[in-house]
């Protein structure tokens, strides 16, 4: 019985991570500049904070959608 819950948790966690990555790729494509390059190469802290806030917001939305 508990194996069912563990399996569901793992599947939903992986699904959430995949959706989050897809959302980040979509935002990366829509943005006028290469966000990852600006964050890593130019060390743009403000853009890194913005990306982190986006990931947190999307993560909350995904978790709410999964848990109902």
PDB file of N, CA and C in Angstrom:
ATOM      1  N   UNK A   1       0.819  -1.193   0.000  1.00  0.00           N
ATOM      2  CA  UNK A   1       0.000   0.000   0.000  1.00  0.00           C
ATOM      3  C   UNK A   1       0.864   1.259   0.000  1.00  0.00           C
ATOM      4  N   UNK A   2       1.923   1.295   0.819  1.00  0.00           N
ATOM      5  CA  UNK A   2       2.792   2.463   0.875  1.00  0.00           C
ATOM      6  C   UNK A   2       3.638   2.597  -0.385  1.00  0.00           C
ATOM      7  N   UNK A   3       3.917   1.494  -1.055  1.00  0.00           N
ATOM      8  CA  UNK A   3       4.689   1.541  -2.290  1.00  0.00           C
ATOM      9  C   UNK A   3       3.945   2.343  -3.354  1.00  0.00           C
ATOM     10  N   UNK A   4       2.634   2.259  -3.347  1.00  0.00           N
ATOM     11  CA  UNK A   4       1.810   3.016  -4.292  1.00  0.00           C
ATOM     12  C   UNK A   4       1.997   4.518  -4.084  1.00  0.00           C
ATOM     13  N   UNK A   5       2.037   4.957  -2.843  1.00  0.00           N
ATOM     14  CA  UNK A   5       2.201   6.369  -2.539  1.00  0.00           C
ATOM     15  C   UNK A   5       3.620   6.851  -2.870  1.00  0.00           C
ATOM     16  N   UNK A   6       4.597   6.030  -2.606  1.00  0.00           N
ATOM     17  CA  UNK A   6       5.984   6.383  -2.923  1.00  0.00           C
ATOM     18  C   UNK A   6       6.163   6.500  -4.432  1.00  0.00           C
ATOM     19  N   UNK A   7       5.609   5.547  -5.168  1.00  0.00           N
ATOM     20  CA  UNK A   7       5.694   5.581  -6.628  1.00  0.00           C
ATOM     21  C   UNK A   7       4.987   6.815  -7.180  1.00  0.00           C
ATOM     22  N   UNK A   8       3.818   7.128  -6.669  1.00  0.00           N
ATOM     23  CA  UNK A   8       3.086   8.314  -7.120  1.00  0.00           C
ATOM     24  C   UNK A   8       3.879   9.586  -6.830  1.00  0.00           C
ATOM     25  N   UNK A   9       4.508   9.660  -5.674  1.00  0.00           N
ATOM     26  CA  UNK A   9       5.310  10.832  -5.327  1.00  0.00           C
ATOM     27  C   UNK A   9       6.485  11.003  -6.279  1.00  0.00           C
ATOM     28  N   UNK A  10       7.147   9.918  -6.601  1.00  0.00           N
ATOM     29  CA  UNK A  10       8.287   9.973  -7.517  1.00  0.00           C
ATOM     30  C   UNK A  10       7.833  10.390  -8.918  1.00  0.00           C
ATOM     31  N   UNK A  11       6.743   9.797  -9.387  1.00  0.00           N
ATOM     32  CA  UNK A  11       6.240  10.129 -10.723  1.00  0.00           C
ATOM     33  C   UNK A  11       5.820  11.593 -10.792  1.00  0.00           C
ATOM     34  N   UNK A  12       5.088  12.075  -9.802  1.00  0.00           N
ATOM     35  CA  UNK A  12       4.641  13.466  -9.807  1.00  0.00           C
ATOM     36  C   UNK A  12       5.821  14.433  -9.655  1.00  0.00           C
ATOM     37  N   UNK A  13       6.832  14.046  -8.881  1.00  0.00           N
ATOM     38  CA  UNK A  13       8.018  14.893  -8.744  1.00  0.00           C
ATOM     39  C   UNK A  13       8.751  15.019 -10.076  1.00  0.00           C
ATOM     40  N   UNK A  14       8.945  13.904 -10.747  1.00  0.00           N
ATOM     41  CA  UNK A  14       9.607  13.933 -12.053  1.00  0.00           C
ATOM     42  C   UNK A  14       8.781  14.718 -13.069  1.00  0.00           C
ATOM     43  N   UNK A  15       7.481  14.551 -13.047  1.00  0.00           N
ATOM     44  CA  UNK A  15       6.603  15.290 -13.946  1.00  0.00           C
ATOM     45  C   UNK A  15       6.713  16.793 -13.689  1.00  0.00           C
ATOM     46  N   UNK A  16       6.738  17.168 -12.432  1.00  0.00           N
ATOM     47  CA  UNK A  16       6.877  18.587 -12.079  1.00  0.00           C
ATOM     48  C   UNK A  16       8.198  19.175 -12.535  1.00  0.00           C
ATOM     49  N   UNK A  17       9.288  18.431 -12.371  1.00  0.00           N
ATOM     50  CA  UNK A  17      10.602  18.905 -12.805  1.00  0.00           C
ATOM     51  C   UNK A  17      10.640  19.047 -14.323  1.00  0.00           C
ATOM     52  N   UNK A  18      10.063  18.097 -15.036  1.00  0.00           N
ATOM     53  CA  UNK A  18      10.042  18.160 -16.499  1.00  0.00           C
ATOM     54  C   UNK A  18       9.233  19.370 -16.968  1.00  0.00           C
ATOM     55  N   UNK A  19       8.080  19.597 -16.360  1.00  0.00           N
ATOM     56  CA  UNK A  19       7.265  20.763 -16.726  1.00  0.00           C
ATOM     57  C   UNK A  19       8.008  22.056 -16.420  1.00  0.00           C
ATOM     58  N   UNK A  20       8.700  22.114 -15.299  1.00  0.00           N
ATOM     59  CA  UNK A  20       9.469  23.308 -14.940  1.00  0.00           C
ATOM     60  C   UNK A  20      10.566  23.570 -15.969  1.00  0.00           C
ATOM     61  N   UNK A  21      11.271  22.538 -16.386  1.00  0.00           N
ATOM     62  CA  UNK A  21      12.321  22.707 -17.392  1.00  0.00           C
ATOM     63  C   UNK A  21      11.749  23.159 -18.734  1.00  0.00           C
ATOM     64  N   UNK A  22      10.611  22.604 -19.106  1.00  0.00           N
ATOM     65  CA  UNK A  22       9.965  23.016 -20.356  1.00  0.00           C
ATOM     66  C   UNK A  22       9.575  24.489 -20.283  1.00  0.00           C
ATOM     67  N   UNK A  23       9.029  24.917 -19.144  1.00  0.00           N
ATOM     68  CA  UNK A  23       8.657  26.322 -18.979  1.00  0.00           C
ATOM     69  C   UNK A  23       9.880  27.233 -19.065  1.00  0.00           C
ATOM     70  N   UNK A  24      10.989  26.814 -18.475  1.00  0.00           N
ATOM     71  CA  UNK A  24      12.207  27.630 -18.538  1.00  0.00           C
ATOM     72  C   UNK A  24      12.711  27.734 -19.972  1.00  0.00           C
ATOM     73  N   UNK A  25      12.659  26.639 -20.716  1.00  0.00           N
ATOM     74  CA  UNK A  25      13.101  26.662 -22.119  1.00  0.00           C
ATOM     75  C   UNK A  25      12.206  27.591 -22.937  1.00  0.00           C
ATOM     76  N   UNK A  26      10.894  27.552 -22.677  1.00  0.00           N
ATOM     77  CA  UNK A  26       9.973  28.435 -23.399  1.00  0.00           C
ATOM     78  C   UNK A  26      10.298  29.898 -23.092  1.00  0.00           C
ATOM     79  N   UNK A  27      10.518  30.225 -21.835  1.00  0.00           N
ATOM     80  CA  UNK A  27      10.866  31.595 -21.462  1.00  0.00           C
ATOM     81  C   UNK A  27      12.202  31.986 -22.087  1.00  0.00           C
ATOM     82  N   UNK A  28      13.132  31.071 -22.129  1.00  0.00           N
ATOM     83  CA  UNK A  28      14.443  31.327 -22.744  1.00  0.00           C
ATOM     84  C   UNK A  28      14.288  31.658 -24.231  1.00  0.00           C
ATOM     85  N   UNK A  29      13.383  30.966 -24.902  1.00  0.00           N
ATOM     86  CA  UNK A  29      13.154  31.209 -26.330  1.00  0.00           C
ATOM     87  C   UNK A  29      12.412  32.520 -26.570  1.00  0.00           C
ATOM     88  N   UNK A  30      11.505  32.885 -25.673  1.00  0.00           N
ATOM     89  CA  UNK A  30      10.700  34.098 -25.841  1.00  0.00           C
ATOM     90  C   UNK A  30      11.511  35.354 -25.511  1.00  0.00           C
ATOM     91  N   UNK A  31      12.440  35.241 -24.589  1.00  0.00           N
ATOM     92  CA  UNK A  31      13.224  36.398 -24.146  1.00  0.00           C
ATOM     93  C   UNK A  31      14.108  36.909 -25.288  1.00  0.00           C
ATOM     94  N   UNK A  32      14.283  38.226 -25.357  1.00  0.00           N
ATOM     95  CA  UNK A  32      15.101  38.787 -26.438  1.00  0.00           C
ATOM     96  C   UNK A  32      16.589  38.454 -26.324  1.00  0.00           C
ATOM     97  N   UNK A  33      17.058  38.211 -25.145  1.00  0.00           N
ATOM     98  CA  UNK A  33      18.471  37.878 -24.918  1.00  0.00           C
ATOM     99  C   UNK A  33      18.586  36.443 -24.425  1.00  0.00           C
ATOM    100  N   UNK A  34      19.777  35.881 -24.491  1.00  0.00           N
ATOM    101  CA  UNK A  34      20.039  34.553 -23.956  1.00  0.00           C
ATOM    102  C   UNK A  34      20.213  34.683 -22.443  1.00  0.00           C
ATOM    103  N   UNK A  35      19.185  34.291 -21.693  1.00  0.00           N
ATOM    104  CA  UNK A  35      19.192  34.479 -20.241  1.00  0.00           C
ATOM    105  C   UNK A  35      20.318  33.712 -19.562  1.00  0.00           C
ATOM    106  N   UNK A  36      20.498  32.469 -19.963  1.00  0.00           N
ATOM    107  CA  UNK A  36      21.505  31.633 -19.304  1.00  0.00           C
ATOM    108  C   UNK A  36      22.901  32.217 -19.510  1.00  0.00           C
ATOM    109  N   UNK A  37      23.178  32.716 -20.721  1.00  0.00           N
ATOM    110  CA  UNK A  37      24.484  33.315 -21.009  1.00  0.00           C
ATOM    111  C   UNK A  37      24.687  34.562 -20.160  1.00  0.00           C
ATOM    112  N   UNK A  38      23.652  35.386 -20.053  1.00  0.00           N
ATOM    113  CA  UNK A  38      23.767  36.606 -19.248  1.00  0.00           C
ATOM    114  C   UNK A  38      23.991  36.284 -17.770  1.00  0.00           C
ATOM    115  N   UNK A  39      23.333  35.242 -17.277  1.00  0.00           N
ATOM    116  CA  UNK A  39      23.476  34.883 -15.862  1.00  0.00           C
ATOM    117  C   UNK A  39      24.858  34.307 -15.589  1.00  0.00           C
ATOM    118  N   UNK A  40      25.311  33.390 -16.442  1.00  0.00           N
ATOM    119  CA  UNK A  40      26.565  32.678 -16.179  1.00  0.00           C
ATOM    120  C   UNK A  40      27.781  33.502 -16.600  1.00  0.00           C
ATOM    121  N   UNK A  41      27.796  33.970 -17.843  1.00  0.00           N
ATOM    122  CA  UNK A  41      28.986  34.649 -18.352  1.00  0.00           C
ATOM    123  C   UNK A  41      29.133  36.070 -17.813  1.00  0.00           C
ATOM    124  N   UNK A  42      28.048  36.819 -17.841  1.00  0.00           N
ATOM    125  CA  UNK A  42      28.112  38.212 -17.405  1.00  0.00           C
ATOM    126  C   UNK A  42      27.808  38.381 -15.921  1.00  0.00           C
ATOM    127  N   UNK A  43      27.438  37.308 -15.250  1.00  0.00           N
ATOM    128  CA  UNK A  43      27.128  37.290 -13.814  1.00  0.00           C
ATOM    129  C   UNK A  43      26.107  38.370 -13.445  1.00  0.00           C
ATOM    130  N   UNK A  44      25.005  38.386 -14.180  1.00  0.00           N
ATOM    131  CA  UNK A  44      23.923  39.339 -13.947  1.00  0.00           C
ATOM    132  C   UNK A  44      23.067  38.834 -12.775  1.00  0.00           C
ATOM    133  N   UNK A  45      23.298  39.407 -11.606  1.00  0.00           N
ATOM    134  CA  UNK A  45      22.628  38.955 -10.388  1.00  0.00           C
ATOM    135  C   UNK A  45      21.127  39.247 -10.439  1.00  0.00           C
ATOM    136  N   UNK A  46      20.754  40.393 -10.960  1.00  0.00           N
ATOM    137  CA  UNK A  46      19.336  40.747 -11.030  1.00  0.00           C
ATOM    138  C   UNK A  46      18.577  39.753 -11.907  1.00  0.00           C
ATOM    139  N   UNK A  47      19.161  39.366 -13.017  1.00  0.00           N
ATOM    140  CA  UNK A  47      18.521  38.401 -13.903  1.00  0.00           C
ATOM    141  C   UNK A  47      18.466  37.017 -13.255  1.00  0.00           C
ATOM    142  N   UNK A  48      19.482  36.672 -12.478  1.00  0.00           N
ATOM    143  CA  UNK A  48      19.473  35.395 -11.763  1.00  0.00           C
ATOM    144  C   UNK A  48      18.353  35.373 -10.720  1.00  0.00           C
ATOM    145  N   UNK A  49      18.150  36.487 -10.026  1.00  0.00           N
ATOM    146  CA  UNK A  49      17.065  36.577  -9.044  1.00  0.00           C
ATOM    147  C   UNK A  49      15.716  36.473  -9.742  1.00  0.00           C
ATOM    148  N   UNK A  50      15.585  37.122 -10.889  1.00  0.00           N
ATOM    149  CA  UNK A  50      14.349  37.046 -11.663  1.00  0.00           C
ATOM    150  C   UNK A  50      14.069  35.612 -12.119  1.00  0.00           C
ATOM    151  N   UNK A  51      15.099  34.912 -12.597  1.00  0.00           N
ATOM    152  CA  UNK A  51      14.937  33.519 -13.024  1.00  0.00           C
ATOM    153  C   UNK A  51      14.557  32.628 -11.844  1.00  0.00           C
ATOM    154  N   UNK A  52      15.162  32.876 -10.692  1.00  0.00           N
ATOM    155  CA  UNK A  52      14.834  32.089  -9.500  1.00  0.00           C
ATOM    156  C   UNK A  52      13.393  32.337  -9.067  1.00  0.00           C
ATOM    157  N   UNK A  53      12.957  33.583  -9.116  1.00  0.00           N
ATOM    158  CA  UNK A  53      11.574  33.903  -8.759  1.00  0.00           C
ATOM    159  C   UNK A  53      10.601  33.242  -9.726  1.00  0.00           C
ATOM    160  N   UNK A  54      10.944  33.236 -11.013  1.00  0.00           N
ATOM    161  CA  UNK A  54      10.119  32.554 -12.012  1.00  0.00           C
ATOM    162  C   UNK A  54      10.017  31.067 -11.697  1.00  0.00           C
ATOM    163  N   UNK A  55      11.147  30.439 -11.387  1.00  0.00           N
ATOM    164  CA  UNK A  55      11.135  29.002 -11.090  1.00  0.00           C
ATOM    165  C   UNK A  55      10.324  28.699  -9.842  1.00  0.00           C
ATOM    166  N   UNK A  56      10.428  29.527  -8.830  1.00  0.00           N
ATOM    167  CA  UNK A  56       9.651  29.317  -7.610  1.00  0.00           C
ATOM    168  C   UNK A  56       8.157  29.469  -7.903  1.00  0.00           C
ATOM    169  N   UNK A  57       7.798  30.495  -8.664  1.00  0.00           N
ATOM    170  CA  UNK A  57       6.386  30.725  -8.984  1.00  0.00           C
ATOM    171  C   UNK A  57       5.810  29.569  -9.793  1.00  0.00           C
ATOM    172  N   UNK A  58       6.534  29.126 -10.807  1.00  0.00           N
ATOM    173  CA  UNK A  58       6.054  28.018 -11.626  1.00  0.00           C
ATOM    174  C   UNK A  58       5.999  26.734 -10.801  1.00  0.00           C
ATOM    175  N   UNK A  59       6.949  26.549  -9.915  1.00  0.00           N
ATOM    176  CA  UNK A  59       6.949  25.357  -9.047  1.00  0.00           C
ATOM    177  C   UNK A  59       5.719  25.327  -8.151  1.00  0.00           C
ATOM    178  N   UNK A  60       5.336  26.482  -7.610  1.00  0.00           N
ATOM    179  CA  UNK A  60       4.134  26.553  -6.770  1.00  0.00           C
ATOM    180  C   UNK A  60       2.897  26.228  -7.585  1.00  0.00           C
ATOM    181  N   UNK A  61       2.835  26.758  -8.806  1.00  0.00           N
ATOM    182  CA  UNK A  61       1.689  26.468  -9.686  1.00  0.00           C
ATOM    183  C   UNK A  61       1.625  24.986 -10.024  1.00  0.00           C
ATOM    184  N   UNK A  62       2.769  24.398 -10.348  1.00  0.00           N
ATOM    185  CA  UNK A  62       2.811  22.965 -10.696  1.00  0.00           C
ATOM    186  C   UNK A  62       2.399  22.109  -9.502  1.00  0.00           C
ATOM    187  N   UNK A  63       2.920  22.436  -8.324  1.00  0.00           N
ATOM    188  CA  UNK A  63       2.581  21.623  -7.140  1.00  0.00           C
ATOM    189  C   UNK A  63       1.101  21.747  -6.801  1.00  0.00           C
ATOM    190  N   UNK A  64       0.545  22.940  -6.980  1.00  0.00           N
ATOM    191  CA  UNK A  64      -0.896  23.104  -6.732  1.00  0.00           C
ATOM    192  C   UNK A  64      -1.726  22.315  -7.725  1.00  0.00           C
ATOM    193  N   UNK A  65      -1.285  22.309  -8.972  1.00  0.00           N
ATOM    194  CA  UNK A  65      -2.015  21.551  -9.999  1.00  0.00           C
ATOM    195  C   UNK A  65      -1.917  20.050  -9.756  1.00  0.00           C
ATOM    196  N   UNK A  66      -0.780  19.577  -9.299  1.00  0.00           N
ATOM    197  CA  UNK A  66      -0.602  18.144  -9.070  1.00  0.00           C
ATOM    198  C   UNK A  66      -1.394  17.687  -7.843  1.00  0.00           C
ATOM    199  N   UNK A  67      -1.334  18.474  -6.782  1.00  0.00           N
ATOM    200  CA  UNK A  67      -2.005  18.071  -5.536  1.00  0.00           C
ATOM    201  C   UNK A  67      -3.492  18.372  -5.543  1.00  0.00           C
ATOM    202  N   UNK A  68      -3.922  19.187  -6.455  1.00  0.00           N
ATOM    203  CA  UNK A  68      -5.352  19.493  -6.577  1.00  0.00           C
ATOM    204  C   UNK A  68      -5.754  20.471  -5.600  1.00  0.00           C
TER     205      UNK A  68
END
